[in-house]
C-alpha atoms as a PDB file:
ATOM      1  CA  MET A   1      12.645  14.024 -12.950  1.00  0.00           C
ATOM      2  CA  ILE A   2      15.225  14.765 -10.279  1.00  0.00           C
ATOM      3  CA  ARG A   3      17.003  18.138 -10.427  1.00  0.00           C
ATOM      4  CA  LEU A   4      19.911  19.575  -8.500  1.00  0.00           C
ATOM      5  CA  LYS A   5      20.125  23.139  -7.298  1.00  0.00           C
ATOM      6  CA  ARG A   6      22.347  25.098  -4.893  1.00  0.00           C
ATOM      7  CA  VAL A   7      20.535  26.267  -1.809  1.00  0.00           C
ATOM      8  CA  TYR A   8      21.382  29.895  -2.648  1.00  0.00           C
ATOM      9  CA  ALA A   9      19.613  29.781  -6.038  1.00  0.00           C
ATOM     10  CA  PRO A  10      16.027  31.069  -5.831  1.00  0.00           C
ATOM     11  CA  PRO A  11      13.188  28.484  -5.686  1.00  0.00           C
ATOM     12  CA  GLU A  12      11.133  28.114  -8.865  1.00  0.00           C
ATOM     13  CA  ILE A  13       7.719  26.690  -9.519  1.00  0.00           C
ATOM     14  CA  THR A  14       9.290  24.112 -11.810  1.00  0.00           C
ATOM     15  CA  ASP A  15      11.367  22.700  -8.958  1.00  0.00           C
ATOM     16  CA  GLY A  16       8.576  20.423  -7.754  1.00  0.00           C
ATOM     17  CA  ARG A  17       9.176  19.320  -4.198  1.00  0.00           C
ATOM     18  CA  ARG A  18      12.475  20.474  -2.659  1.00  0.00           C
ATOM     19  CA  PHE A  19      14.611  18.522  -0.232  1.00  0.00           C
ATOM     20  CA  LEU A  20      17.735  19.718   1.506  1.00  0.00           C
ATOM     21  CA  VAL A  21      20.395  16.970   1.364  1.00  0.00           C
ATOM     22  CA  ASP A  22      23.108  18.499   3.511  1.00  0.00           C
ATOM     23  CA  ARG A  23      23.642  17.406   7.127  1.00  0.00           C
ATOM     24  CA  LEU A  24      24.160  20.939   8.348  1.00  0.00           C
ATOM     25  CA  TRP A  25      21.885  23.967   7.778  1.00  0.00           C
ATOM     26  CA  PRO A  26      23.459  26.320   5.139  1.00  0.00           C
ATOM     27  CA  ARG A  27      25.050  29.514   6.393  1.00  0.00           C
ATOM     28  CA  GLY A  28      23.267  32.758   5.927  1.00  0.00           C
ATOM     29  CA  ILE A  29      19.830  31.212   5.071  1.00  0.00           C
ATOM     30  CA  LYS A  30      16.859  31.625   7.340  1.00  0.00           C
ATOM     31  CA  LYS A  31      14.644  28.559   7.586  1.00  0.00           C
ATOM     32  CA  GLU A  32      11.637  30.638   6.615  1.00  0.00           C
ATOM     33  CA  ALA A  33      13.348  31.841   3.412  1.00  0.00           C
ATOM     34  CA  LEU A  34      14.254  28.394   2.124  1.00  0.00           C
ATOM     35  CA  ARG A  35      11.192  26.757   0.653  1.00  0.00           C
ATOM     36  CA  LEU A  36      11.610  23.035   1.478  1.00  0.00           C
ATOM     37  CA  ASP A  37       9.385  20.017   1.734  1.00  0.00           C
ATOM     38  CA  GLY A  38       9.903  17.298   4.377  1.00  0.00           C
ATOM     39  CA  TRP A  39      11.497  13.949   3.402  1.00  0.00           C
ATOM     40  CA  LEU A  40       8.917  11.304   2.713  1.00  0.00           C
ATOM     41  CA  LYS A  41       9.526   7.609   2.189  1.00  0.00           C
ATOM     42  CA  ASP A  42       8.283   7.739  -1.449  1.00  0.00           C
ATOM     43  CA  ALA A  43       9.314  11.303  -2.302  1.00  0.00           C
ATOM     44  CA  ALA A  44      10.850  10.293  -5.652  1.00  0.00           C
ATOM     45  CA  ARG A  45       7.535   8.665  -6.744  1.00  0.00           C
ATOM     46  CA  GLN A  46       5.400  11.803  -6.359  1.00  0.00           C
ATOM     47  CA  GLY A  47       6.391  13.955  -9.301  1.00  0.00           C
ATOM     48  CA  ASP A  48       9.377  16.204  -9.903  1.00  0.00           C
ATOM     49  CA  ILE A  49      11.713  17.009  -7.025  1.00  0.00           C
ATOM     50  CA  THR A  50      14.770  19.193  -6.499  1.00  0.00           C
ATOM     51  CA  LEU A  51      17.638  18.174  -4.199  1.00  0.00           C
ATOM     52  CA  VAL A  52      18.949  21.409  -2.631  1.00  0.00           C
ATOM     53  CA  TYR A  53      22.514  21.585  -1.410  1.00  0.00           C
ATOM     54  CA  ALA A  54      24.887  24.219  -0.009  1.00  0.00           C
ATOM     55  CA  ALA A  55      28.251  22.919  -1.297  1.00  0.00           C
ATOM     56  CA  ARG A  56      30.192  25.329  -3.460  1.00  0.00           C
ATOM     57  CA  ASP A  57      31.389  22.520  -5.713  1.00  0.00           C
ATOM     58  CA  GLU A  58      28.559  21.944  -8.142  1.00  0.00           C
ATOM     59  CA  ARG A  59      30.237  18.884  -9.700  1.00  0.00           C
ATOM     60  CA  HIS A  60      31.177  17.018  -6.524  1.00  0.00           C
ATOM     61  CA  ASN A  61      28.629  16.977  -3.709  1.00  0.00           C
ATOM     62  CA  ASN A  62      26.295  14.645  -1.875  1.00  0.00           C
ATOM     63  CA  ALA A  63      23.274  15.710  -3.934  1.00  0.00           C
ATOM     64  CA  ILE A  64      24.796  14.199  -7.051  1.00  0.00           C
ATOM     65  CA  VAL A  65      25.266  10.889  -5.245  1.00  0.00           C
ATOM     66  CA  ILE A  66      21.745  10.876  -3.838  1.00  0.00           C
ATOM     67  CA  LYS A  67      20.310  11.762  -7.293  1.00  0.00           C
ATOM     68  CA  ALA A  68      22.174   8.812  -8.855  1.00  0.00           C
ATOM     69  CA  CYS A  69      20.942   6.465  -6.109  1.00  0.00           C
ATOM     70  CA  LEU A  70      17.339   7.626  -6.491  1.00  0.00           C
ATOM     71  CA  GLU A  71      17.442   7.332 -10.261  1.00  0.00           C
ATOM     72  CA  ALA A  72      18.906   3.785 -10.003  1.00  0.00           C
ATOM     73  CA  TYR A  73      16.223   2.832  -7.525  1.00  0.00           C
ATOM     74  CA  LEU A  74      13.446   4.196  -9.656  1.00  0.00           C
ATOM     75  CA  HIS A  75      14.877   2.473 -12.753  1.00  0.00           C
ATOM     76  CA  SER A  76      15.051  -0.887 -10.959  1.00  0.00           C
ATOM     77  CA  ALA A  77      11.561  -0.446  -9.490  1.00  0.00           C
ATOM     78  CA  LYS A  78      10.135   0.186 -12.962  1.00  0.00           C
ATOM     79  CA  ALA A  79      11.937  -2.879 -14.313  1.00  0.00           C
ATOM     80  CA  GLU A  80      10.575  -4.982 -11.477  1.00  0.00           C
ATOM     81  CA  THR A  81       7.039  -3.733 -12.124  1.00  0.00           C
ATOM     82  CA  ARG A  82       7.364  -4.671 -15.815  1.00  0.00           C
ATOM     83  CA  ARG A  83       8.610  -8.179 -14.967  1.00  0.00           C
ATOM     84  CA  SER A  84       5.743  -8.745 -12.545  1.00  0.00           C
ATOM     85  CA  ILE A  85       3.173  -7.678 -15.184  1.00  0.00           C
ATOM     86  CA  GLU A  86       4.595  -9.994 -17.800  1.00  0.00           C
END
């Protein structure tokens, strides 16, 4: 599962691994206070993750696009795995 959350919302245990998707560090947040995991090549394959973003617009931001791309990639990877098994 891939979730989206504003950077200013508190981290939760249910977030899984958290990845900041913005190019710039969010204003007013200390690096120590923002619980993040580093970006790994196969991050979307290792359980639940949360894409953290600073944009005020919760309907239009880069996290939504990245989430859609990751979900499409995971969907196509699963389909490819099924085809190779058959």
